[in-house]
Every structure is written in C-alpha cells, then in structure tokens.
Amino acid sequence: MGERREGEVALPFDPADRVEAGVTFIGHIRSNWSKGNAPRNLRAARETGEVARIELLPDYVEGLTGLEVGRAIQVMYWVDRGERSLIVQSPRHTDGPRGVFAIRSPVRPNPIALGTVVITSMDREAGVIGIDATDAFDGTPVLDIKPWIPTVDVPPGWQPEG
C-alpha cells in the first residue's frame, strides 16, 4: 500500500479476498512501459508514438477470425500490479478527492482497464495483434477483446467536449 494523499480513503478489507467469480487470461500486452515510465492514459500513450502488441495464448487464436487491420477494438486488461483497496483517491489533476468510480485510475477494487485501440498489424497464426498504443505495463494480462462499434459504443447524441 502506497503513501496516501490528503482526502484518500482505503477500504477496510482487501477486495482480492472477496473473489466471487473466476477469470482467465487470454494473452498479454507487450509494450515498452513499466512502473515509473508509463504514460498516464491512452491519449498520452498515443502522443509518444510507441506502438504495442497483444500476444494471445494459442487456445484463443481462432477468436481473431473476422478482425482486420484498421479495425478499432476494445481491450480489457487486468492491471495486475496496482493497489486495490482505495475507494476514494486524490488525483493530482483534480480539485479534490474523487470516488474510484468517477475516475479512470488503475487503482480500483477490480483492477480492470479498458482501452479502445486500432489494430495496426495482425499475425493470425501466431496470435499477435499490433495496436496503435497502450498505457499498460509490459506483460499485463488480457481479459478480453471486443470490436468497437460506433452505433453501439457511442452514446446517442454524444458530442465531444471542447
């Protein structure tokens, strides 16, 4: 457990001790990132120009059928090196404490992250998907991959801010 900032609140238990379901990892993210040198989010990762890849385990390679280079996908991954007990955090970029469900921090009860990325290359036989960017550390386990579909994934009437 790391040093606490003013206003932060930790749960009185470790969420990992309350496992109610099982997941299986389907592969791993390969990137140049590790603790101390990773971008703070996917936008910042794209700005570095660093690409990454997903390496699927052999049993899951057939699941790539239908995916093509240029397609946007959502990658769900398990932030396996993060703390899980903070329920209120004090991010440096906000004006005060925020509940974990109001921020995108990897520190959360279930350390699941979601990134929408673009497929830049694909080796179906090897199960390797090149992606345009990631903010995940090298070796981060992948939980699932889903196609990003604008008619499903963009809320009705949504307009970008700014």
C-alpha atoms as a PDB file:
ATOM      1  CA  MET A   1       0.000   0.000   0.000  1.00  0.00           C
ATOM      2  CA  GLY A   2       1.435   3.312  -1.085  1.00  0.00           C
ATOM      3  CA  GLU A   3       1.542   6.663   0.593  1.00  0.00           C
ATOM      4  CA  ARG A   4      -1.858   8.298   0.948  1.00  0.00           C
ATOM      5  CA  ARG A   5      -2.687  11.793  -0.301  1.00  0.00           C
ATOM      6  CA  GLU A   6      -4.989  14.077   1.650  1.00  0.00           C
ATOM      7  CA  GLY A   7      -8.614  13.010   1.317  1.00  0.00           C
ATOM      8  CA  GLU A   8      -7.935   9.453   0.223  1.00  0.00           C
ATOM      9  CA  VAL A   9      -9.910   6.630   1.810  1.00  0.00           C
ATOM     10  CA  ALA A  10      -8.975   2.939   1.811  1.00  0.00           C
ATOM     11  CA  LEU A  11     -11.388   0.050   2.169  1.00  0.00           C
ATOM     12  CA  PRO A  12     -11.126  -1.811   5.484  1.00  0.00           C
ATOM     13  CA  PHE A  13     -10.518  -5.061   3.570  1.00  0.00           C
ATOM     14  CA  ASP A  14      -8.599  -6.344   0.545  1.00  0.00           C
ATOM     15  CA  PRO A  15     -11.005  -6.817  -2.395  1.00  0.00           C
ATOM     16  CA  ALA A  16      -8.855  -9.729  -3.605  1.00  0.00           C
ATOM     17  CA  ASP A  17     -10.022 -11.666  -0.530  1.00  0.00           C
ATOM     18  CA  ARG A  18     -13.628 -11.450  -1.735  1.00  0.00           C
ATOM     19  CA  VAL A  19     -13.323 -13.290  -5.026  1.00  0.00           C
ATOM     20  CA  GLU A  20     -16.748 -14.282  -6.301  1.00  0.00           C
ATOM     21  CA  ALA A  21     -16.004 -15.227  -9.897  1.00  0.00           C
ATOM     22  CA  GLY A  22     -13.118 -16.540 -11.916  1.00  0.00           C
ATOM     23  CA  VAL A  23     -11.498 -15.074 -14.996  1.00  0.00           C
ATOM     24  CA  THR A  24      -8.995 -16.496 -17.379  1.00  0.00           C
ATOM     25  CA  PHE A  25      -6.281 -14.549 -19.126  1.00  0.00           C
ATOM     26  CA  ILE A  26      -6.311 -14.923 -22.918  1.00  0.00           C
ATOM     27  CA  GLY A  27      -2.904 -13.356 -23.534  1.00  0.00           C
ATOM     28  CA  HIS A  28      -0.622 -10.491 -22.587  1.00  0.00           C
ATOM     29  CA  ILE A  29       0.135  -6.956 -23.702  1.00  0.00           C
ATOM     30  CA  ARG A  30       3.686  -6.288 -24.845  1.00  0.00           C
ATOM     31  CA  SER A  31       4.813  -2.692 -24.500  1.00  0.00           C
ATOM     32  CA  ASN A  32       7.811  -0.587 -23.543  1.00  0.00           C
ATOM     33  CA  TRP A  33       6.089   0.531 -20.326  1.00  0.00           C
ATOM     34  CA  SER A  34       6.900  -0.325 -16.731  1.00  0.00           C
ATOM     35  CA  LYS A  35       6.377   1.297 -13.345  1.00  0.00           C
ATOM     36  CA  GLY A  36       7.820   4.795 -13.481  1.00  0.00           C
ATOM     37  CA  ASN A  37       7.890   5.281 -17.257  1.00  0.00           C
ATOM     38  CA  ALA A  38       4.317   4.569 -18.390  1.00  0.00           C
ATOM     39  CA  PRO A  39       2.046   7.294 -19.783  1.00  0.00           C
ATOM     40  CA  ARG A  40      -0.853   8.253 -17.531  1.00  0.00           C
ATOM     41  CA  ASN A  41      -3.535   7.361 -20.084  1.00  0.00           C
ATOM     42  CA  LEU A  42      -4.102   6.139 -23.630  1.00  0.00           C
ATOM     43  CA  ARG A  43      -4.114   9.640 -25.137  1.00  0.00           C
ATOM     44  CA  ALA A  44      -0.668  10.310 -23.635  1.00  0.00           C
ATOM     45  CA  ALA A  45       0.498   6.895 -24.878  1.00  0.00           C
ATOM     46  CA  ARG A  46      -0.533   7.795 -28.435  1.00  0.00           C
ATOM     47  CA  GLU A  47       1.388  11.066 -28.169  1.00  0.00           C
ATOM     48  CA  THR A  48       4.628   9.112 -27.537  1.00  0.00           C
ATOM     49  CA  GLY A  49       4.301   7.293 -30.862  1.00  0.00           C
ATOM     50  CA  GLU A  50       5.122   3.992 -29.119  1.00  0.00           C
ATOM     51  CA  VAL A  51       3.179   1.049 -30.541  1.00  0.00           C
ATOM     52  CA  ALA A  52       2.416  -2.172 -28.707  1.00  0.00           C
ATOM     53  CA  ARG A  53       1.068  -5.636 -29.347  1.00  0.00           C
ATOM     54  CA  ILE A  54      -1.193  -8.244 -27.837  1.00  0.00           C
ATOM     55  CA  GLU A  55       0.081 -11.814 -27.774  1.00  0.00           C
ATOM     56  CA  LEU A  56      -2.769 -14.288 -27.433  1.00  0.00           C
ATOM     57  CA  LEU A  57      -2.326 -17.704 -25.884  1.00  0.00           C
ATOM     58  CA  PRO A  58      -2.595 -20.455 -28.551  1.00  0.00           C
ATOM     59  CA  ASP A  59      -6.035 -21.681 -27.423  1.00  0.00           C
ATOM     60  CA  TYR A  60      -7.579 -18.283 -28.215  1.00  0.00           C
ATOM     61  CA  VAL A  61      -6.054 -17.519 -31.631  1.00  0.00           C
ATOM     62  CA  GLU A  62      -9.139 -18.654 -33.591  1.00  0.00           C
ATOM     63  CA  GLY A  63     -11.050 -15.866 -31.838  1.00  0.00           C
ATOM     64  CA  LEU A  64      -9.316 -13.397 -34.181  1.00  0.00           C
ATOM     65  CA  THR A  65     -11.446 -14.585 -37.103  1.00  0.00           C
ATOM     66  CA  GLY A  66     -13.265 -11.570 -38.529  1.00  0.00           C
ATOM     67  CA  LEU A  67     -10.904  -8.921 -37.162  1.00  0.00           C
ATOM     68  CA  GLU A  68      -8.871  -6.899 -39.662  1.00  0.00           C
ATOM     69  CA  VAL A  69      -6.075  -4.341 -39.668  1.00  0.00           C
ATOM     70  CA  GLY A  70      -7.538  -0.854 -39.278  1.00  0.00           C
ATOM     71  CA  ARG A  71     -10.394  -2.037 -37.051  1.00  0.00           C
ATOM     72  CA  ALA A  72     -10.909  -0.414 -33.652  1.00  0.00           C
ATOM     73  CA  ILE A  73     -11.129  -2.861 -30.770  1.00  0.00           C
ATOM     74  CA  GLN A  74     -11.714  -2.611 -27.044  1.00  0.00           C
ATOM     75  CA  VAL A  75      -9.128  -4.430 -24.967  1.00  0.00           C
ATOM     76  CA  MET A  76      -9.977  -5.325 -21.385  1.00  0.00           C
ATOM     77  CA  TYR A  77      -6.936  -5.982 -19.294  1.00  0.00           C
ATOM     78  CA  TRP A  78      -6.081  -6.829 -15.695  1.00  0.00           C
ATOM     79  CA  VAL A  79      -3.939  -4.184 -14.008  1.00  0.00           C
ATOM     80  CA  ASP A  80      -2.105  -6.836 -12.026  1.00  0.00           C
ATOM     81  CA  ARG A  81       0.458  -4.580 -10.350  1.00  0.00           C
ATOM     82  CA  GLY A  82      -1.867  -1.989  -8.879  1.00  0.00           C
ATOM     83  CA  GLU A  83      -3.335  -1.421  -5.442  1.00  0.00           C
ATOM     84  CA  ARG A  84      -6.955  -2.469  -4.989  1.00  0.00           C
ATOM     85  CA  SER A  85      -8.025  -1.021  -1.660  1.00  0.00           C
ATOM     86  CA  LEU A  86      -8.501   2.725  -2.328  1.00  0.00           C
ATOM     87  CA  ILE A  87     -12.163   3.691  -2.715  1.00  0.00           C
ATOM     88  CA  VAL A  88     -11.575   7.475  -2.693  1.00  0.00           C
ATOM     89  CA  GLN A  89      -8.493   8.935  -4.367  1.00  0.00           C
ATOM     90  CA  SER A  90      -6.952  12.385  -4.701  1.00  0.00           C
ATOM     91  CA  PRO A  91      -5.690  12.582  -8.280  1.00  0.00           C
ATOM     92  CA  ARG A  92      -3.166  15.340  -8.925  1.00  0.00           C
ATOM     93  CA  HIS A  93      -5.208  16.594 -11.904  1.00  0.00           C
ATOM     94  CA  THR A  94      -8.470  17.178  -9.960  1.00  0.00           C
ATOM     95  CA  ASP A  95      -9.578  19.818  -7.488  1.00  0.00           C
ATOM     96  CA  GLY A  96     -10.207  17.325  -4.694  1.00  0.00           C
ATOM     97  CA  PRO A  97     -10.909  13.716  -3.745  1.00  0.00           C
ATOM     98  CA  ARG A  98     -12.942  11.566  -6.125  1.00  0.00           C
ATOM     99  CA  GLY A  99     -14.578   8.179  -5.737  1.00  0.00           C
ATOM    100  CA  VAL A 100     -12.912   5.405  -7.711  1.00  0.00           C
ATOM    101  CA  PHE A 101     -15.959   5.125  -9.993  1.00  0.00           C
ATOM    102  CA  ALA A 102     -15.620   8.789 -11.001  1.00  0.00           C
ATOM    103  CA  ILE A 103     -12.022   8.473 -12.267  1.00  0.00           C
ATOM    104  CA  ARG A 104     -10.052   6.284 -14.668  1.00  0.00           C
ATOM    105  CA  SER A 105      -7.277   5.329 -12.232  1.00  0.00           C
ATOM    106  CA  PRO A 106      -5.942   1.758 -12.416  1.00  0.00           C
ATOM    107  CA  VAL A 107      -6.237   1.633  -8.608  1.00  0.00           C
ATOM    108  CA  ARG A 108      -9.691   0.087  -8.102  1.00  0.00           C
ATOM    109  CA  PRO A 109     -11.371  -2.849  -6.326  1.00  0.00           C
ATOM    110  CA  ASN A 110     -11.334  -4.910  -9.528  1.00  0.00           C
ATOM    111  CA  PRO A 111      -8.273  -3.766 -11.465  1.00  0.00           C
ATOM    112  CA  ILE A 112      -9.901  -3.994 -14.877  1.00  0.00           C
ATOM    113  CA  ALA A 113      -8.864  -1.462 -17.511  1.00  0.00           C
ATOM    114  CA  LEU A 114     -10.428  -0.800 -20.885  1.00  0.00           C
ATOM    115  CA  GLY A 115      -8.622   0.691 -23.849  1.00  0.00           C
ATOM    116  CA  THR A 116     -10.011   1.385 -27.304  1.00  0.00           C
ATOM    117  CA  VAL A 117      -7.189   0.904 -29.791  1.00  0.00           C
ATOM    118  CA  VAL A 118      -6.678   0.383 -33.506  1.00  0.00           C
ATOM    119  CA  ILE A 119      -5.283  -2.819 -34.997  1.00  0.00           C
ATOM    120  CA  THR A 120      -2.109  -1.900 -36.910  1.00  0.00           C
ATOM    121  CA  SER A 121      -0.965  -5.408 -37.848  1.00  0.00           C
ATOM    122  CA  MET A 122      -2.029  -8.979 -37.342  1.00  0.00           C
ATOM    123  CA  ASP A 123      -0.315 -12.344 -37.446  1.00  0.00           C
ATOM    124  CA  ARG A 124      -3.248 -14.736 -37.102  1.00  0.00           C
ATOM    125  CA  GLU A 125      -1.123 -17.864 -36.978  1.00  0.00           C
ATOM    126  CA  ALA A 126       0.999 -16.527 -34.119  1.00  0.00           C
ATOM    127  CA  GLY A 127      -1.941 -14.794 -32.428  1.00  0.00           C
ATOM    128  CA  VAL A 128      -0.187 -11.418 -32.386  1.00  0.00           C
ATOM    129  CA  ILE A 129      -2.155  -8.196 -32.828  1.00  0.00           C
ATOM    130  CA  GLY A 130      -0.261  -4.949 -33.354  1.00  0.00           C
ATOM    131  CA  ILE A 131      -2.041  -1.986 -31.746  1.00  0.00           C
ATOM    132  CA  ASP A 132      -1.527   1.744 -32.124  1.00  0.00           C
ATOM    133  CA  ALA A 133      -0.858   2.402 -28.421  1.00  0.00           C
ATOM    134  CA  THR A 134      -1.323   1.251 -24.841  1.00  0.00           C
ATOM    135  CA  ASP A 135      -0.747   2.640 -21.380  1.00  0.00           C
ATOM    136  CA  ALA A 136      -0.381  -0.883 -19.924  1.00  0.00           C
ATOM    137  CA  PHE A 137       2.850  -2.212 -18.491  1.00  0.00           C
ATOM    138  CA  ASP A 138       4.678  -4.891 -20.453  1.00  0.00           C
ATOM    139  CA  GLY A 139       3.251  -8.317 -19.608  1.00  0.00           C
ATOM    140  CA  THR A 140      -0.171  -7.051 -18.465  1.00  0.00           C
ATOM    141  CA  PRO A 141      -2.723  -9.890 -18.744  1.00  0.00           C
ATOM    142  CA  VAL A 142      -5.541  -9.510 -21.286  1.00  0.00           C
ATOM    143  CA  LEU A 143      -9.068 -10.498 -20.236  1.00  0.00           C
ATOM    144  CA  ASP A 144     -10.992  -9.955 -23.454  1.00  0.00           C
ATOM    145  CA  ILE A 145     -11.086  -8.234 -26.841  1.00  0.00           C
ATOM    146  CA  LYS A 146     -14.259  -6.849 -28.405  1.00  0.00           C
ATOM    147  CA  PRO A 147     -14.835  -4.917 -31.615  1.00  0.00           C
ATOM    148  CA  TRP A 148     -15.556  -1.218 -31.132  1.00  0.00           C
ATOM    149  CA  ILE A 149     -18.828  -0.437 -32.902  1.00  0.00           C
ATOM    150  CA  PRO A 150     -19.808   3.237 -33.216  1.00  0.00           C
ATOM    151  CA  THR A 151     -23.554   2.553 -33.295  1.00  0.00           C
ATOM    152  CA  VAL A 152     -23.258   0.582 -30.059  1.00  0.00           C
ATOM    153  CA  ASP A 153     -20.382   2.227 -28.198  1.00  0.00           C
ATOM    154  CA  VAL A 154     -21.074   5.930 -28.768  1.00  0.00           C
ATOM    155  CA  PRO A 155     -23.971   7.180 -26.626  1.00  0.00           C
ATOM    156  CA  PRO A 156     -26.863   8.702 -28.614  1.00  0.00           C
ATOM    157  CA  GLY A 157     -26.493  12.454 -29.121  1.00  0.00           C
ATOM    158  CA  TRP A 158     -22.978  12.462 -27.665  1.00  0.00           C
ATOM    159  CA  GLN A 159     -20.694  15.245 -28.820  1.00  0.00           C
ATOM    160  CA  PRO A 160     -17.015  15.519 -27.905  1.00  0.00           C
ATOM    161  CA  GLU A 161     -16.150  18.218 -25.384  1.00  0.00           C
ATOM    162  CA  GLY A 162     -14.207  21.262 -26.480  1.00  0.00           C
END
